Amino acid sequence: MHPSNQSGGAQHQHQQPGYAPQPQYPTYPAQPSYQTVSPDQRQALAQRGQRLMVYGAVLLVIGLGLTLFTFASGSPIVIVAWGPVIFGGYRLVRGWLLYSKNK
């Protein structure tokens, strides 16, 4: 008698090595309505992103302008306006991300 048939004639299925069964992932329900964004809300968020970009650009230009003006004036005192430059850059990037996500 063959060693695989010792269990009373029942044949065992042989799996190929290296092939594991695929896991079954649970299915999730559709996204609830309170988590969705309406087209009007998307438009409002896109407009807010545009506003953030404009204010960020204005702050960035003011900071760079003040720094360059005091540097080019020949005065021994140079104001490096790094606060408006960093905050303006932050608002510019944040506004761009908000706008591009909701346009």
Foldseek 3Di string as FASTA:
>chain_A
DDVQCPPPRDHDDDDDPPDDDDDDDDDDDDDDPVPDADLVRLVVQLVVLVVLLVQLVVLLCVQVVQQVCQVVVPDPDGDRSVPSNVSSVVSNVVSVVSNVVRD
